């Protein structure tokens, strides 16, 4: 399973990563700190799930999830 993790606050990134690793052992977690780079990644690589903040600069978490899922 590949999980795209999008965060805008670097201080929270490590705890989010640990939490996802605990809940989804064995999953590959792909971290991005910018919504647009995450969408670009998802357009070029398959992802099974997206975990994102809702409020981010440049693009909202809703848009990231919608656009990342568009590839399928």
C-alpha atoms as a PDB file:
ATOM      1  CA  UNK A   1       0.000   0.000   0.000  1.00  0.00           C
ATOM      2  CA  UNK A   2       1.278   3.467  -0.881  1.00  0.00           C
ATOM      3  CA  UNK A   3       0.035   6.382   1.205  1.00  0.00           C
ATOM      4  CA  UNK A   4       0.598   9.955   0.090  1.00  0.00           C
ATOM      5  CA  UNK A   5       1.047  12.095   3.210  1.00  0.00           C
ATOM      6  CA  UNK A   6       0.738  15.846   2.647  1.00  0.00           C
ATOM      7  CA  UNK A   7       1.565  18.222   5.470  1.00  0.00           C
ATOM      8  CA  UNK A   8       2.318  21.912   5.647  1.00  0.00           C
ATOM      9  CA  UNK A   9       3.768  22.018   9.163  1.00  0.00           C
ATOM     10  CA  UNK A  10       7.177  20.358   9.391  1.00  0.00           C
ATOM     11  CA  UNK A  11       6.937  20.123  13.194  1.00  0.00           C
ATOM     12  CA  UNK A  12       3.970  17.756  12.914  1.00  0.00           C
ATOM     13  CA  UNK A  13       5.402  15.687  10.067  1.00  0.00           C
ATOM     14  CA  UNK A  14       7.391  13.249  12.213  1.00  0.00           C
ATOM     15  CA  UNK A  15       4.482  12.484  14.531  1.00  0.00           C
ATOM     16  CA  UNK A  16       2.124  12.065  11.562  1.00  0.00           C
ATOM     17  CA  UNK A  17       4.575   9.711   9.909  1.00  0.00           C
ATOM     18  CA  UNK A  18       4.925   7.606  13.084  1.00  0.00           C
ATOM     19  CA  UNK A  19       1.143   7.456  13.504  1.00  0.00           C
ATOM     20  CA  UNK A  20       0.612   6.286   9.927  1.00  0.00           C
ATOM     21  CA  UNK A  21       3.387   3.698  10.256  1.00  0.00           C
ATOM     22  CA  UNK A  22       1.683   2.363  13.377  1.00  0.00           C
ATOM     23  CA  UNK A  23      -1.768   2.170  11.814  1.00  0.00           C
ATOM     24  CA  UNK A  24      -0.519   0.849   8.450  1.00  0.00           C
ATOM     25  CA  UNK A  25       2.528  -1.332   9.139  1.00  0.00           C
ATOM     26  CA  UNK A  26       4.353  -2.254   5.965  1.00  0.00           C
ATOM     27  CA  UNK A  27       2.865   0.602   3.944  1.00  0.00           C
ATOM     28  CA  UNK A  28       5.106   2.890   1.945  1.00  0.00           C
ATOM     29  CA  UNK A  29       4.440   6.439   3.093  1.00  0.00           C
ATOM     30  CA  UNK A  30       5.371   9.168   0.641  1.00  0.00           C
ATOM     31  CA  UNK A  31       5.667  12.529   2.442  1.00  0.00           C
ATOM     32  CA  UNK A  32       5.198  15.891   0.717  1.00  0.00           C
ATOM     33  CA  UNK A  33       5.102  19.299   2.363  1.00  0.00           C
ATOM     34  CA  UNK A  34       3.386  21.011  -0.562  1.00  0.00           C
ATOM     35  CA  UNK A  35       0.017  20.123  -2.048  1.00  0.00           C
ATOM     36  CA  UNK A  36       1.009  20.865  -5.633  1.00  0.00           C
ATOM     37  CA  UNK A  37       4.072  18.607  -5.496  1.00  0.00           C
ATOM     38  CA  UNK A  38       1.894  15.871  -3.996  1.00  0.00           C
ATOM     39  CA  UNK A  39      -0.587  16.158  -6.878  1.00  0.00           C
ATOM     40  CA  UNK A  40       2.257  16.007  -9.386  1.00  0.00           C
ATOM     41  CA  UNK A  41       3.569  12.891  -7.656  1.00  0.00           C
ATOM     42  CA  UNK A  42       0.123  11.252  -7.723  1.00  0.00           C
ATOM     43  CA  UNK A  43      -0.260  11.951 -11.443  1.00  0.00           C
ATOM     44  CA  UNK A  44       2.943  10.018 -12.112  1.00  0.00           C
ATOM     45  CA  UNK A  45       2.787   7.260  -9.477  1.00  0.00           C
ATOM     46  CA  UNK A  46      -0.016   5.069  -8.185  1.00  0.00           C
ATOM     47  CA  UNK A  47      -1.167   5.841  -4.631  1.00  0.00           C
ATOM     48  CA  UNK A  48      -3.709   3.910  -2.601  1.00  0.00           C
ATOM     49  CA  UNK A  49      -4.580   6.556  -0.028  1.00  0.00           C
ATOM     50  CA  UNK A  50      -4.065  10.242   0.649  1.00  0.00           C
ATOM     51  CA  UNK A  51      -3.657  11.738   4.117  1.00  0.00           C
ATOM     52  CA  UNK A  52      -3.638  15.519   3.941  1.00  0.00           C
ATOM     53  CA  UNK A  53      -4.187  18.672   5.935  1.00  0.00           C
ATOM     54  CA  UNK A  54      -7.219  20.603   4.741  1.00  0.00           C
ATOM     55  CA  UNK A  55      -5.766  24.103   5.002  1.00  0.00           C
ATOM     56  CA  UNK A  56      -2.529  24.534   3.114  1.00  0.00           C
ATOM     57  CA  UNK A  57      -0.954  27.259   1.017  1.00  0.00           C
ATOM     58  CA  UNK A  58      -1.580  27.220  -2.761  1.00  0.00           C
ATOM     59  CA  UNK A  59      -4.046  24.303  -2.803  1.00  0.00           C
ATOM     60  CA  UNK A  60      -6.462  22.878  -0.232  1.00  0.00           C
ATOM     61  CA  UNK A  61      -6.389  19.343   1.081  1.00  0.00           C
ATOM     62  CA  UNK A  62      -9.763  18.728  -0.563  1.00  0.00           C
ATOM     63  CA  UNK A  63      -8.277  19.635  -3.935  1.00  0.00           C
ATOM     64  CA  UNK A  64      -5.217  17.473  -3.310  1.00  0.00           C
ATOM     65  CA  UNK A  65      -7.412  14.448  -2.537  1.00  0.00           C
ATOM     66  CA  UNK A  66      -9.688  15.091  -5.520  1.00  0.00           C
ATOM     67  CA  UNK A  67      -6.834  15.585  -7.982  1.00  0.00           C
ATOM     68  CA  UNK A  68      -4.700  12.737  -6.625  1.00  0.00           C
ATOM     69  CA  UNK A  69      -7.644  10.363  -7.003  1.00  0.00           C
ATOM     70  CA  UNK A  70      -8.355  11.561 -10.545  1.00  0.00           C
ATOM     71  CA  UNK A  71      -5.589   9.373 -11.949  1.00  0.00           C
ATOM     72  CA  UNK A  72      -7.527   6.174 -11.302  1.00  0.00           C
END
